[in-house]
């Protein structure tokens, strides 16, 4: 079972600490997905002998398509194990899918709730499936909110789940941890996923099979569409 995490230098938690906590929680490996939204590619202080495998990925964040293209190219040049894009805007979502990146994270932004507009629809779900781009169902908005905000996040995730189910789009499930304290045990993550409506076999595929396939597809090139 894999977990996608952010680590130093973006956060105060080192990859080593993330790996140790993940191993104790019951994970088989972690995939680093710290943001790159500056001119420099994030550099990790990678552990020499981690308790579980640590795969160096990146989550590209950009406020326009041109910058997205540049940062996706940089991630490819740096041989990132997984290239993710921080979505939430329809044009960014579409550009990420057209580029054939590994993972579209936060396809509707970082949360949900009242007045929240959806930027991931049936058209993009179908295009993601055709391009082989996985979509993230981040449980962070549910795990780190309460009341109406939590209800809105559950509703948003359920709508996305229905879309990826309908078109057979691959998806991953993650707690999107920024510190070791935000890593949740697989059983707890599974319980929250069930609130969204994710079935047991879907959870297994989203936390084990699909992440493994993303890593195995590391040799595939990303096509940046101008």
C-alpha atoms as a PDB file:
ATOM      1  CA  UNK A   1       0.000   0.000   0.000  1.00  0.00           C
ATOM      2  CA  UNK A   2       1.311   3.428  -1.008  1.00  0.00           C
ATOM      3  CA  UNK A   3       0.799   6.906   0.423  1.00  0.00           C
ATOM      4  CA  UNK A   4       1.477  10.227  -1.311  1.00  0.00           C
ATOM      5  CA  UNK A   5       3.131  12.791   0.984  1.00  0.00           C
ATOM      6  CA  UNK A   6       4.742  16.228   1.011  1.00  0.00           C
ATOM      7  CA  UNK A   7       8.113  16.549   2.728  1.00  0.00           C
ATOM      8  CA  UNK A   8      11.017  18.911   3.396  1.00  0.00           C
ATOM      9  CA  UNK A   9      12.019  21.349   2.018  1.00  0.00           C
ATOM     10  CA  UNK A  10       8.355  22.204   1.376  1.00  0.00           C
ATOM     11  CA  UNK A  11       7.396  21.117   4.889  1.00  0.00           C
ATOM     12  CA  UNK A  12       9.208  20.662   8.177  1.00  0.00           C
ATOM     13  CA  UNK A  13       9.020  16.867   8.034  1.00  0.00           C
ATOM     14  CA  UNK A  14      11.919  15.094   6.338  1.00  0.00           C
ATOM     15  CA  UNK A  15      11.418  12.200   3.910  1.00  0.00           C
ATOM     16  CA  UNK A  16      13.104   9.946   6.484  1.00  0.00           C
ATOM     17  CA  UNK A  17      10.567  10.882   9.154  1.00  0.00           C
ATOM     18  CA  UNK A  18       7.706  10.426   6.692  1.00  0.00           C
ATOM     19  CA  UNK A  19       9.008   6.985   5.737  1.00  0.00           C
ATOM     20  CA  UNK A  20       9.420   5.915   9.364  1.00  0.00           C
ATOM     21  CA  UNK A  21       5.888   7.006  10.289  1.00  0.00           C
ATOM     22  CA  UNK A  22       4.434   5.405   7.159  1.00  0.00           C
ATOM     23  CA  UNK A  23       6.180   2.119   7.939  1.00  0.00           C
ATOM     24  CA  UNK A  24       4.846   2.112  11.492  1.00  0.00           C
ATOM     25  CA  UNK A  25       1.351   2.908  10.209  1.00  0.00           C
ATOM     26  CA  UNK A  26       1.437  -0.076   7.868  1.00  0.00           C
ATOM     27  CA  UNK A  27       2.365   1.316   4.445  1.00  0.00           C
ATOM     28  CA  UNK A  28       4.669  -0.476   2.013  1.00  0.00           C
ATOM     29  CA  UNK A  29       6.096   2.689   0.393  1.00  0.00           C
ATOM     30  CA  UNK A  30       5.654   6.443   0.081  1.00  0.00           C
ATOM     31  CA  UNK A  31       5.672   8.703  -2.953  1.00  0.00           C
ATOM     32  CA  UNK A  32       6.954  12.233  -2.401  1.00  0.00           C
ATOM     33  CA  UNK A  33       4.815  14.830  -4.139  1.00  0.00           C
ATOM     34  CA  UNK A  34       6.097  18.211  -2.920  1.00  0.00           C
ATOM     35  CA  UNK A  35       5.022  21.194  -4.990  1.00  0.00           C
ATOM     36  CA  UNK A  36       7.135  22.880  -7.600  1.00  0.00           C
ATOM     37  CA  UNK A  37       5.767  26.354  -8.233  1.00  0.00           C
ATOM     38  CA  UNK A  38       9.031  28.251  -8.442  1.00  0.00           C
ATOM     39  CA  UNK A  39      11.975  28.378 -10.813  1.00  0.00           C
ATOM     40  CA  UNK A  40      13.857  25.610  -9.037  1.00  0.00           C
ATOM     41  CA  UNK A  41      12.935  21.940  -8.894  1.00  0.00           C
ATOM     42  CA  UNK A  42      12.480  20.767  -5.277  1.00  0.00           C
ATOM     43  CA  UNK A  43      15.489  18.920  -3.889  1.00  0.00           C
ATOM     44  CA  UNK A  44      14.942  16.219  -1.270  1.00  0.00           C
ATOM     45  CA  UNK A  45      17.368  15.010   1.357  1.00  0.00           C
ATOM     46  CA  UNK A  46      16.710  11.396   0.426  1.00  0.00           C
ATOM     47  CA  UNK A  47      17.328   8.794   3.141  1.00  0.00           C
ATOM     48  CA  UNK A  48      20.101   6.253   2.511  1.00  0.00           C
ATOM     49  CA  UNK A  49      18.347   3.290   4.112  1.00  0.00           C
ATOM     50  CA  UNK A  50      14.646   4.121   4.581  1.00  0.00           C
ATOM     51  CA  UNK A  51      12.370   1.676   6.441  1.00  0.00           C
ATOM     52  CA  UNK A  52      10.112   1.596   3.353  1.00  0.00           C
ATOM     53  CA  UNK A  53      10.881   2.575  -0.253  1.00  0.00           C
ATOM     54  CA  UNK A  54      10.721   6.328  -0.916  1.00  0.00           C
ATOM     55  CA  UNK A  55       9.895   7.339  -4.482  1.00  0.00           C
ATOM     56  CA  UNK A  56      10.746  10.883  -5.560  1.00  0.00           C
ATOM     57  CA  UNK A  57       7.824  12.474  -7.377  1.00  0.00           C
ATOM     58  CA  UNK A  58       6.675  16.054  -7.770  1.00  0.00           C
ATOM     59  CA  UNK A  59       3.403  17.965  -7.851  1.00  0.00           C
ATOM     60  CA  UNK A  60       3.531  20.756 -10.410  1.00  0.00           C
ATOM     61  CA  UNK A  61       1.621  23.870  -9.440  1.00  0.00           C
ATOM     62  CA  UNK A  62       1.124  26.784 -11.837  1.00  0.00           C
ATOM     63  CA  UNK A  63      -1.331  29.638 -12.246  1.00  0.00           C
ATOM     64  CA  UNK A  64      -1.431  29.435 -16.044  1.00  0.00           C
ATOM     65  CA  UNK A  65      -0.966  26.852 -18.771  1.00  0.00           C
ATOM     66  CA  UNK A  66       2.334  28.262 -20.049  1.00  0.00           C
ATOM     67  CA  UNK A  67       3.993  27.936 -16.639  1.00  0.00           C
ATOM     68  CA  UNK A  68       2.482  24.490 -16.286  1.00  0.00           C
ATOM     69  CA  UNK A  69       4.145  23.403 -19.534  1.00  0.00           C
ATOM     70  CA  UNK A  70       7.529  24.705 -18.364  1.00  0.00           C
ATOM     71  CA  UNK A  71       7.337  22.970 -14.988  1.00  0.00           C
ATOM     72  CA  UNK A  72       6.123  19.683 -16.411  1.00  0.00           C
ATOM     73  CA  UNK A  73       9.112  19.703 -18.788  1.00  0.00           C
ATOM     74  CA  UNK A  74      11.443  20.388 -15.866  1.00  0.00           C
ATOM     75  CA  UNK A  75       9.948  17.528 -13.858  1.00  0.00           C
ATOM     76  CA  UNK A  76      10.510  15.203 -16.799  1.00  0.00           C
ATOM     77  CA  UNK A  77      14.119  16.337 -17.175  1.00  0.00           C
ATOM     78  CA  UNK A  78      14.674  15.642 -13.479  1.00  0.00           C
ATOM     79  CA  UNK A  79      13.360  12.089 -13.940  1.00  0.00           C
ATOM     80  CA  UNK A  80      10.600  12.407 -11.359  1.00  0.00           C
ATOM     81  CA  UNK A  81       9.159   8.982 -10.557  1.00  0.00           C
ATOM     82  CA  UNK A  82       5.634  10.423 -10.622  1.00  0.00           C
ATOM     83  CA  UNK A  83       4.656  13.724 -12.246  1.00  0.00           C
ATOM     84  CA  UNK A  84       1.470  15.106 -10.719  1.00  0.00           C
ATOM     85  CA  UNK A  85      -0.283  18.384 -11.446  1.00  0.00           C
ATOM     86  CA  UNK A  86      -2.126  20.429  -8.836  1.00  0.00           C
ATOM     87  CA  UNK A  87      -5.466  20.975 -10.537  1.00  0.00           C
ATOM     88  CA  UNK A  88      -8.571  22.911  -9.588  1.00  0.00           C
ATOM     89  CA  UNK A  89      -8.884  25.099 -12.674  1.00  0.00           C
ATOM     90  CA  UNK A  90     -10.511  23.709 -15.818  1.00  0.00           C
ATOM     91  CA  UNK A  91      -7.762  24.948 -18.140  1.00  0.00           C
ATOM     92  CA  UNK A  92      -5.011  23.539 -15.887  1.00  0.00           C
ATOM     93  CA  UNK A  93      -6.867  20.228 -15.579  1.00  0.00           C
ATOM     94  CA  UNK A  94      -7.221  19.949 -19.342  1.00  0.00           C
ATOM     95  CA  UNK A  95      -3.589  20.887 -20.026  1.00  0.00           C
ATOM     96  CA  UNK A  96      -2.398  18.284 -17.517  1.00  0.00           C
ATOM     97  CA  UNK A  97      -4.511  15.567 -19.120  1.00  0.00           C
ATOM     98  CA  UNK A  98      -3.444  16.523 -22.636  1.00  0.00           C
ATOM     99  CA  UNK A  99       0.194  16.390 -21.514  1.00  0.00           C
ATOM    100  CA  UNK A 100      -0.362  12.869 -20.248  1.00  0.00           C
ATOM    101  CA  UNK A 101       1.084  13.443 -16.781  1.00  0.00           C
ATOM    102  CA  UNK A 102       0.826  10.611 -14.285  1.00  0.00           C
ATOM    103  CA  UNK A 103      -1.621  12.135 -11.836  1.00  0.00           C
ATOM    104  CA  UNK A 104      -4.132  14.990 -11.709  1.00  0.00           C
ATOM    105  CA  UNK A 105      -4.292  16.031  -8.051  1.00  0.00           C
ATOM    106  CA  UNK A 106      -7.056  18.141  -6.520  1.00  0.00           C
ATOM    107  CA  UNK A 107      -9.109  18.238  -9.752  1.00  0.00           C
ATOM    108  CA  UNK A 108     -11.670  20.497  -8.064  1.00  0.00           C
ATOM    109  CA  UNK A 109      -9.276  22.471  -5.905  1.00  0.00           C
ATOM    110  CA  UNK A 110      -8.316  21.886  -2.289  1.00  0.00           C
ATOM    111  CA  UNK A 111     -11.777  21.571  -0.797  1.00  0.00           C
ATOM    112  CA  UNK A 112     -15.492  21.662  -1.329  1.00  0.00           C
ATOM    113  CA  UNK A 113     -18.581  23.062   0.233  1.00  0.00           C
ATOM    114  CA  UNK A 114     -21.121  25.706  -0.500  1.00  0.00           C
ATOM    115  CA  UNK A 115     -20.475  27.869  -3.500  1.00  0.00           C
ATOM    116  CA  UNK A 116     -17.705  25.552  -4.669  1.00  0.00           C
ATOM    117  CA  UNK A 117     -17.519  25.368  -8.459  1.00  0.00           C
ATOM    118  CA  UNK A 118     -16.528  22.137 -10.166  1.00  0.00           C
ATOM    119  CA  UNK A 119     -13.699  22.212 -12.700  1.00  0.00           C
ATOM    120  CA  UNK A 120     -13.557  18.450 -13.296  1.00  0.00           C
ATOM    121  CA  UNK A 121     -16.501  17.182 -15.301  1.00  0.00           C
ATOM    122  CA  UNK A 122     -17.554  14.207 -17.423  1.00  0.00           C
ATOM    123  CA  UNK A 123     -15.581  15.457 -20.431  1.00  0.00           C
ATOM    124  CA  UNK A 124     -12.314  15.610 -18.484  1.00  0.00           C
ATOM    125  CA  UNK A 125     -13.034  12.288 -16.772  1.00  0.00           C
ATOM    126  CA  UNK A 126     -13.379  10.632 -20.166  1.00  0.00           C
ATOM    127  CA  UNK A 127     -10.269  12.360 -21.532  1.00  0.00           C
ATOM    128  CA  UNK A 128      -8.257  11.332 -18.465  1.00  0.00           C
ATOM    129  CA  UNK A 129      -9.248   7.705 -18.988  1.00  0.00           C
ATOM    130  CA  UNK A 130      -8.279   7.871 -22.659  1.00  0.00           C
ATOM    131  CA  UNK A 131      -4.921   9.476 -21.814  1.00  0.00           C
ATOM    132  CA  UNK A 132      -4.172   7.084 -18.947  1.00  0.00           C
ATOM    133  CA  UNK A 133      -4.006   9.921 -16.412  1.00  0.00           C
ATOM    134  CA  UNK A 134      -4.973   8.954 -12.870  1.00  0.00           C
ATOM    135  CA  UNK A 135      -7.112  11.298 -10.773  1.00  0.00           C
ATOM    136  CA  UNK A 136      -6.584  11.872  -7.067  1.00  0.00           C
ATOM    137  CA  UNK A 137      -9.379  11.633  -4.549  1.00  0.00           C
ATOM    138  CA  UNK A 138      -7.664  13.427  -1.679  1.00  0.00           C
ATOM    139  CA  UNK A 139      -9.323  12.756   1.664  1.00  0.00           C
ATOM    140  CA  UNK A 140      -7.487  15.690   3.267  1.00  0.00           C
ATOM    141  CA  UNK A 141     -10.518  18.051   3.137  1.00  0.00           C
ATOM    142  CA  UNK A 142     -12.553  15.439   5.024  1.00  0.00           C
ATOM    143  CA  UNK A 143      -9.835  14.538   7.520  1.00  0.00           C
ATOM    144  CA  UNK A 144      -9.002  18.167   8.339  1.00  0.00           C
ATOM    145  CA  UNK A 145     -12.410  19.826   8.486  1.00  0.00           C
ATOM    146  CA  UNK A 146     -15.688  19.567  10.346  1.00  0.00           C
ATOM    147  CA  UNK A 147     -19.332  20.551  10.111  1.00  0.00           C
ATOM    148  CA  UNK A 148     -20.637  21.947   6.858  1.00  0.00           C
ATOM    149  CA  UNK A 149     -17.190  22.137   5.294  1.00  0.00           C
ATOM    150  CA  UNK A 150     -16.676  18.417   5.889  1.00  0.00           C
ATOM    151  CA  UNK A 151     -20.101  17.593   4.448  1.00  0.00           C
ATOM    152  CA  UNK A 152     -19.295  19.665   1.367  1.00  0.00           C
ATOM    153  CA  UNK A 153     -15.956  17.895   0.925  1.00  0.00           C
ATOM    154  CA  UNK A 154     -17.632  14.482   1.141  1.00  0.00           C
ATOM    155  CA  UNK A 155     -20.205  15.543  -1.429  1.00  0.00           C
ATOM    156  CA  UNK A 156     -17.539  16.864  -3.797  1.00  0.00           C
ATOM    157  CA  UNK A 157     -15.509  13.659  -3.566  1.00  0.00           C
ATOM    158  CA  UNK A 158     -18.594  11.531  -4.147  1.00  0.00           C
ATOM    159  CA  UNK A 159     -19.398  13.428  -7.348  1.00  0.00           C
ATOM    160  CA  UNK A 160     -15.818  12.933  -8.583  1.00  0.00           C
ATOM    161  CA  UNK A 161     -16.017   9.259  -7.643  1.00  0.00           C
ATOM    162  CA  UNK A 162     -19.149   8.814  -9.740  1.00  0.00           C
ATOM    163  CA  UNK A 163     -17.420  10.405 -12.731  1.00  0.00           C
ATOM    164  CA  UNK A 164     -14.285   8.258 -12.573  1.00  0.00           C
ATOM    165  CA  UNK A 165     -16.425   5.161 -12.069  1.00  0.00           C
ATOM    166  CA  UNK A 166     -18.592   5.959 -15.076  1.00  0.00           C
ATOM    167  CA  UNK A 167     -15.636   6.337 -17.440  1.00  0.00           C
ATOM    168  CA  UNK A 168     -13.274   3.833 -15.851  1.00  0.00           C
ATOM    169  CA  UNK A 169     -10.741   6.542 -15.029  1.00  0.00           C
ATOM    170  CA  UNK A 170      -7.940   5.290 -12.752  1.00  0.00           C
ATOM    171  CA  UNK A 171      -7.782   7.051  -9.396  1.00  0.00           C
ATOM    172  CA  UNK A 172      -5.720   7.114  -6.225  1.00  0.00           C
ATOM    173  CA  UNK A 173      -6.753   7.807  -2.642  1.00  0.00           C
ATOM    174  CA  UNK A 174      -4.509   9.737  -0.281  1.00  0.00           C
ATOM    175  CA  UNK A 175      -4.488  11.667   2.988  1.00  0.00           C
ATOM    176  CA  UNK A 176      -2.150  14.171   1.266  1.00  0.00           C
ATOM    177  CA  UNK A 177      -0.023  14.502   4.407  1.00  0.00           C
ATOM    178  CA  UNK A 178       2.177  17.555   4.927  1.00  0.00           C
ATOM    179  CA  UNK A 179       3.606  16.312   8.241  1.00  0.00           C
ATOM    180  CA  UNK A 180       4.139  12.876   9.760  1.00  0.00           C
ATOM    181  CA  UNK A 181       1.270  13.667  12.151  1.00  0.00           C
ATOM    182  CA  UNK A 182      -1.142  13.791   9.203  1.00  0.00           C
ATOM    183  CA  UNK A 183      -0.348  10.265   8.025  1.00  0.00           C
ATOM    184  CA  UNK A 184      -3.345   8.059   8.750  1.00  0.00           C
ATOM    185  CA  UNK A 185      -3.253   4.317   9.243  1.00  0.00           C
ATOM    186  CA  UNK A 186      -4.648   2.355   6.294  1.00  0.00           C
ATOM    187  CA  UNK A 187      -7.648   1.224   8.348  1.00  0.00           C
ATOM    188  CA  UNK A 188      -8.577   4.822   9.190  1.00  0.00           C
ATOM    189  CA  UNK A 189      -8.080   5.954   5.604  1.00  0.00           C
ATOM    190  CA  UNK A 190     -10.252   3.064   4.440  1.00  0.00           C
ATOM    191  CA  UNK A 191     -13.003   4.055   6.877  1.00  0.00           C
ATOM    192  CA  UNK A 192     -13.064   7.635   5.584  1.00  0.00           C
ATOM    193  CA  UNK A 193     -12.985   6.428   1.976  1.00  0.00           C
ATOM    194  CA  UNK A 194     -16.070   4.328   2.678  1.00  0.00           C
ATOM    195  CA  UNK A 195     -17.904   7.494   3.741  1.00  0.00           C
ATOM    196  CA  UNK A 196     -17.267   8.849   0.246  1.00  0.00           C
ATOM    197  CA  UNK A 197     -18.709   5.641  -1.225  1.00  0.00           C
ATOM    198  CA  UNK A 198     -15.450   3.967  -2.271  1.00  0.00           C
ATOM    199  CA  UNK A 199     -15.851   0.192  -2.272  1.00  0.00           C
ATOM    200  CA  UNK A 200     -13.297  -2.174  -0.729  1.00  0.00           C
ATOM    201  CA  UNK A 201     -11.923  -3.359  -4.079  1.00  0.00           C
ATOM    202  CA  UNK A 202     -11.738   0.233  -5.354  1.00  0.00           C
ATOM    203  CA  UNK A 203      -9.798   1.271  -2.247  1.00  0.00           C
ATOM    204  CA  UNK A 204      -7.333  -1.580  -2.719  1.00  0.00           C
ATOM    205  CA  UNK A 205      -6.812  -0.635  -6.349  1.00  0.00           C
ATOM    206  CA  UNK A 206      -6.512   3.099  -5.549  1.00  0.00           C
ATOM    207  CA  UNK A 207      -3.907   2.660  -2.814  1.00  0.00           C
ATOM    208  CA  UNK A 208      -1.884  -0.247  -4.195  1.00  0.00           C
ATOM    209  CA  UNK A 209      -2.377  -1.209  -7.835  1.00  0.00           C
ATOM    210  CA  UNK A 210      -2.753   2.234  -9.430  1.00  0.00           C
ATOM    211  CA  UNK A 211       0.194   3.858  -7.560  1.00  0.00           C
ATOM    212  CA  UNK A 212       2.341   0.868  -8.498  1.00  0.00           C
ATOM    213  CA  UNK A 213       1.323   1.248 -12.146  1.00  0.00           C
ATOM    214  CA  UNK A 214       2.232   4.954 -12.057  1.00  0.00           C
ATOM    215  CA  UNK A 215       5.707   4.041 -10.847  1.00  0.00           C
ATOM    216  CA  UNK A 216       6.097   1.252 -13.398  1.00  0.00           C
ATOM    217  CA  UNK A 217       5.123   3.722 -16.139  1.00  0.00           C
ATOM    218  CA  UNK A 218       7.978   6.022 -15.086  1.00  0.00           C
ATOM    219  CA  UNK A 219       9.768   5.542 -18.393  1.00  0.00           C
ATOM    220  CA  UNK A 220       6.903   6.990 -20.425  1.00  0.00           C
ATOM    221  CA  UNK A 221       7.455  10.488 -21.737  1.00  0.00           C
ATOM    222  CA  UNK A 222       5.110  13.372 -21.044  1.00  0.00           C
ATOM    223  CA  UNK A 223       3.879  15.215 -24.093  1.00  0.00           C
ATOM    224  CA  UNK A 224       3.435  18.940 -23.540  1.00  0.00           C
ATOM    225  CA  UNK A 225       0.796  20.206 -25.940  1.00  0.00           C
ATOM    226  CA  UNK A 226       1.284  23.797 -26.959  1.00  0.00           C
END
